[in-house]
Amino acid sequence: MRLKILVMVATLILATTTATAAAKVQPKTVYDSIRQGETDWFYQYISSSSFNVYLIWNNPSNSLTLTIYSPNGEHQTFWDSSDGKVDGKIILTIKNAEQDIWYFRVYGEKVTGVQYYSFTVI
């Protein structure tokens, strides 16, 4: 419950200061790296009723997770194997999306060394 409240407060703060700027960067691709136990956060203003999310890395033996937080605080975590394949990709289509700021958490669940990845929301 506390996490849901914190996400909602963060949403309100960011919405008042960055919603206009965030809308201008769609589509957005970020190239980053992560180590085991690290977390990277991203956000994107979503103005349509559906959008696609791509988290791609080149070493499927490393395990990354992606947690998506909707504007109302609901969230769901996805793994590489969520689509039935372990291939270094988490590719999703979100339908019936609320139009507002969404948050995305990339977590290095099991990573040897450094894992480079790309993250796209379109």
C-alpha atoms as a PDB file:
ATOM      1  CA  MET A   1       0.000   0.000   0.000  1.00  0.00           C
ATOM      2  CA  ARG A   2       2.842   2.378   0.890  1.00  0.00           C
ATOM      3  CA  LEU A   3       4.510   1.832  -2.502  1.00  0.00           C
ATOM      4  CA  LYS A   4       1.244   2.584  -4.276  1.00  0.00           C
ATOM      5  CA  ILE A   5       0.904   5.868  -2.358  1.00  0.00           C
ATOM      6  CA  LEU A   6       4.539   6.813  -3.069  1.00  0.00           C
ATOM      7  CA  VAL A   7       4.083   6.119  -6.776  1.00  0.00           C
ATOM      8  CA  MET A   8       0.938   8.231  -6.833  1.00  0.00           C
ATOM      9  CA  VAL A   9       2.712  11.126  -5.050  1.00  0.00           C
ATOM     10  CA  ALA A  10       5.673  10.893  -7.437  1.00  0.00           C
ATOM     11  CA  THR A  11       3.248  10.875 -10.342  1.00  0.00           C
ATOM     12  CA  LEU A  12       1.599  14.060  -9.132  1.00  0.00           C
ATOM     13  CA  ILE A  13       4.919  15.831  -8.609  1.00  0.00           C
ATOM     14  CA  LEU A  14       6.352  14.824 -11.975  1.00  0.00           C
ATOM     15  CA  ALA A  15       3.098  15.463 -13.809  1.00  0.00           C
ATOM     16  CA  THR A  16       3.090  19.070 -12.704  1.00  0.00           C
ATOM     17  CA  THR A  17       6.690  19.692 -13.740  1.00  0.00           C
ATOM     18  CA  THR A  18       7.540  17.417 -16.668  1.00  0.00           C
ATOM     19  CA  ALA A  19       4.441  16.142 -18.459  1.00  0.00           C
ATOM     20  CA  THR A  20       4.783  18.574 -21.353  1.00  0.00           C
ATOM     21  CA  ALA A  21       8.505  17.875 -21.854  1.00  0.00           C
ATOM     22  CA  ALA A  22       8.057  14.105 -21.565  1.00  0.00           C
ATOM     23  CA  ALA A  23       5.396  14.070 -24.261  1.00  0.00           C
ATOM     24  CA  LYS A  24       7.853  15.591 -26.740  1.00  0.00           C
ATOM     25  CA  VAL A  25      10.329  12.700 -26.534  1.00  0.00           C
ATOM     26  CA  GLN A  26       8.071   9.951 -27.862  1.00  0.00           C
ATOM     27  CA  PRO A  27       9.257   7.568 -29.244  1.00  0.00           C
ATOM     28  CA  LYS A  28      12.006   7.236 -26.685  1.00  0.00           C
ATOM     29  CA  THR A  29      14.924   4.812 -26.606  1.00  0.00           C
ATOM     30  CA  VAL A  30      17.413   4.716 -23.762  1.00  0.00           C
ATOM     31  CA  TYR A  31      20.717   2.853 -23.898  1.00  0.00           C
ATOM     32  CA  ASP A  32      21.991   1.991 -20.430  1.00  0.00           C
ATOM     33  CA  SER A  33      23.734  -0.655 -18.350  1.00  0.00           C
ATOM     34  CA  ILE A  34      22.909  -2.460 -15.135  1.00  0.00           C
ATOM     35  CA  ARG A  35      24.588  -4.743 -12.586  1.00  0.00           C
ATOM     36  CA  GLN A  36      23.105  -7.386 -10.335  1.00  0.00           C
ATOM     37  CA  GLY A  37      20.831  -5.835  -7.714  1.00  0.00           C
ATOM     38  CA  GLU A  38      20.691  -2.424  -9.418  1.00  0.00           C
ATOM     39  CA  THR A  39      17.502  -0.643 -10.431  1.00  0.00           C
ATOM     40  CA  ASP A  40      16.988   1.897 -13.225  1.00  0.00           C
ATOM     41  CA  TRP A  41      13.795   3.992 -13.337  1.00  0.00           C
ATOM     42  CA  PHE A  42      12.218   5.611 -16.385  1.00  0.00           C
ATOM     43  CA  TYR A  43       8.994   7.445 -17.050  1.00  0.00           C
ATOM     44  CA  GLN A  44       7.043   8.395 -20.131  1.00  0.00           C
ATOM     45  CA  TYR A  45       3.944  10.445 -20.740  1.00  0.00           C
ATOM     46  CA  ILE A  46       1.513   8.219 -22.665  1.00  0.00           C
ATOM     47  CA  SER A  47      -0.996  10.077 -24.819  1.00  0.00           C
ATOM     48  CA  SER A  48      -2.565   7.139 -26.678  1.00  0.00           C
ATOM     49  CA  SER A  49      -4.761   4.230 -25.610  1.00  0.00           C
ATOM     50  CA  SER A  50      -2.034   1.668 -26.363  1.00  0.00           C
ATOM     51  CA  PHE A  51       1.753   1.599 -26.482  1.00  0.00           C
ATOM     52  CA  ASN A  52       4.655  -0.821 -26.958  1.00  0.00           C
ATOM     53  CA  VAL A  53       7.537  -1.469 -24.583  1.00  0.00           C
ATOM     54  CA  TYR A  54      10.846  -3.089 -25.577  1.00  0.00           C
ATOM     55  CA  LEU A  55      13.585  -4.112 -23.138  1.00  0.00           C
ATOM     56  CA  ILE A  56      16.406  -5.824 -25.032  1.00  0.00           C
ATOM     57  CA  TRP A  57      19.816  -7.081 -23.894  1.00  0.00           C
ATOM     58  CA  ASN A  58      22.392  -9.268 -25.628  1.00  0.00           C
ATOM     59  CA  ASN A  59      23.102 -11.970 -23.035  1.00  0.00           C
ATOM     60  CA  PRO A  60      20.014 -14.059 -22.207  1.00  0.00           C
ATOM     61  CA  SER A  61      21.916 -15.857 -19.424  1.00  0.00           C
ATOM     62  CA  ASN A  62      21.647 -12.577 -17.503  1.00  0.00           C
ATOM     63  CA  SER A  63      18.204 -11.980 -16.033  1.00  0.00           C
ATOM     64  CA  LEU A  64      16.537  -8.549 -16.084  1.00  0.00           C
ATOM     65  CA  THR A  65      13.006  -7.778 -14.968  1.00  0.00           C
ATOM     66  CA  LEU A  66      10.692  -4.983 -16.038  1.00  0.00           C
ATOM     67  CA  THR A  67       8.001  -3.618 -13.738  1.00  0.00           C
ATOM     68  CA  ILE A  68       5.441  -1.283 -15.275  1.00  0.00           C
ATOM     69  CA  TYR A  69       3.507   1.169 -13.087  1.00  0.00           C
ATOM     70  CA  SER A  70       0.301   2.668 -14.434  1.00  0.00           C
ATOM     71  CA  PRO A  71      -0.776   6.203 -13.468  1.00  0.00           C
ATOM     72  CA  ASN A  72      -3.199   4.813 -10.875  1.00  0.00           C
ATOM     73  CA  GLY A  73      -0.394   2.935  -9.085  1.00  0.00           C
ATOM     74  CA  GLU A  74      -1.160  -0.578 -10.335  1.00  0.00           C
ATOM     75  CA  HIS A  75       1.938  -2.480 -11.391  1.00  0.00           C
ATOM     76  CA  GLN A  76       3.052  -5.743 -12.932  1.00  0.00           C
ATOM     77  CA  THR A  77       6.479  -7.350 -13.262  1.00  0.00           C
ATOM     78  CA  PHE A  78       7.663  -9.154 -16.398  1.00  0.00           C
ATOM     79  CA  TRP A  79      10.600 -11.528 -16.896  1.00  0.00           C
ATOM     80  CA  ASP A  80      12.467 -12.622 -20.003  1.00  0.00           C
ATOM     81  CA  SER A  81      10.555 -15.909 -19.852  1.00  0.00           C
ATOM     82  CA  SER A  82       7.132 -14.195 -19.617  1.00  0.00           C
ATOM     83  CA  ASP A  83       6.593 -14.819 -23.348  1.00  0.00           C
ATOM     84  CA  GLY A  84       7.680 -18.468 -23.105  1.00  0.00           C
ATOM     85  CA  LYS A  85      11.186 -17.816 -24.510  1.00  0.00           C
ATOM     86  CA  VAL A  86      14.457 -16.892 -22.834  1.00  0.00           C
ATOM     87  CA  ASP A  87      16.008 -14.650 -25.489  1.00  0.00           C
ATOM     88  CA  GLY A  88      17.117 -11.415 -23.791  1.00  0.00           C
ATOM     89  CA  LYS A  89      13.906  -9.584 -24.723  1.00  0.00           C
ATOM     90  CA  ILE A  90      10.816  -8.349 -22.948  1.00  0.00           C
ATOM     91  CA  ILE A  91       8.429  -7.043 -25.598  1.00  0.00           C
ATOM     92  CA  LEU A  92       4.954  -5.921 -24.573  1.00  0.00           C
ATOM     93  CA  THR A  93       1.921  -4.152 -25.951  1.00  0.00           C
ATOM     94  CA  ILE A  94      -0.126  -2.319 -23.346  1.00  0.00           C
ATOM     95  CA  LYS A  95      -3.752  -1.832 -24.391  1.00  0.00           C
ATOM     96  CA  ASN A  96      -6.483   0.328 -22.834  1.00  0.00           C
ATOM     97  CA  ALA A  97      -3.752   2.509 -21.346  1.00  0.00           C
ATOM     98  CA  GLU A  98      -4.532   5.476 -19.154  1.00  0.00           C
ATOM     99  CA  GLN A  99      -3.270   8.713 -20.670  1.00  0.00           C
ATOM    100  CA  ASP A 100      -0.795  10.090 -18.157  1.00  0.00           C
ATOM    101  CA  ILE A 101       2.717   9.419 -16.869  1.00  0.00           C
ATOM    102  CA  TRP A 102       3.733   5.752 -16.630  1.00  0.00           C
ATOM    103  CA  TYR A 103       6.806   4.524 -14.721  1.00  0.00           C
ATOM    104  CA  PHE A 104       9.124   1.683 -15.709  1.00  0.00           C
ATOM    105  CA  ARG A 105      11.571  -0.143 -13.438  1.00  0.00           C
ATOM    106  CA  VAL A 106      14.411  -2.206 -14.913  1.00  0.00           C
ATOM    107  CA  TYR A 107      16.014  -4.473 -12.328  1.00  0.00           C
ATOM    108  CA  GLY A 108      19.216  -6.525 -12.617  1.00  0.00           C
ATOM    109  CA  GLU A 109      17.887  -9.737 -11.098  1.00  0.00           C
ATOM    110  CA  LYS A 110      20.810 -12.028 -11.987  1.00  0.00           C
ATOM    111  CA  VAL A 111      23.648 -10.315 -13.829  1.00  0.00           C
ATOM    112  CA  THR A 112      27.276 -11.322 -14.213  1.00  0.00           C
ATOM    113  CA  GLY A 113      29.395  -8.180 -14.575  1.00  0.00           C
ATOM    114  CA  VAL A 114      27.670  -5.389 -16.484  1.00  0.00           C
ATOM    115  CA  GLN A 115      24.702  -5.895 -18.805  1.00  0.00           C
ATOM    116  CA  TYR A 116      24.038  -3.258 -21.466  1.00  0.00           C
ATOM    117  CA  TYR A 117      20.457  -2.887 -22.658  1.00  0.00           C
ATOM    118  CA  SER A 118      18.097  -0.746 -24.680  1.00  0.00           C
ATOM    119  CA  PHE A 119      14.705   0.345 -23.422  1.00  0.00           C
ATOM    120  CA  THR A 120      12.066   1.799 -25.748  1.00  0.00           C
ATOM    121  CA  VAL A 121       8.527   3.060 -25.211  1.00  0.00           C
ATOM    122  CA  ILE A 122       6.545   3.878 -28.364  1.00  0.00           C
END
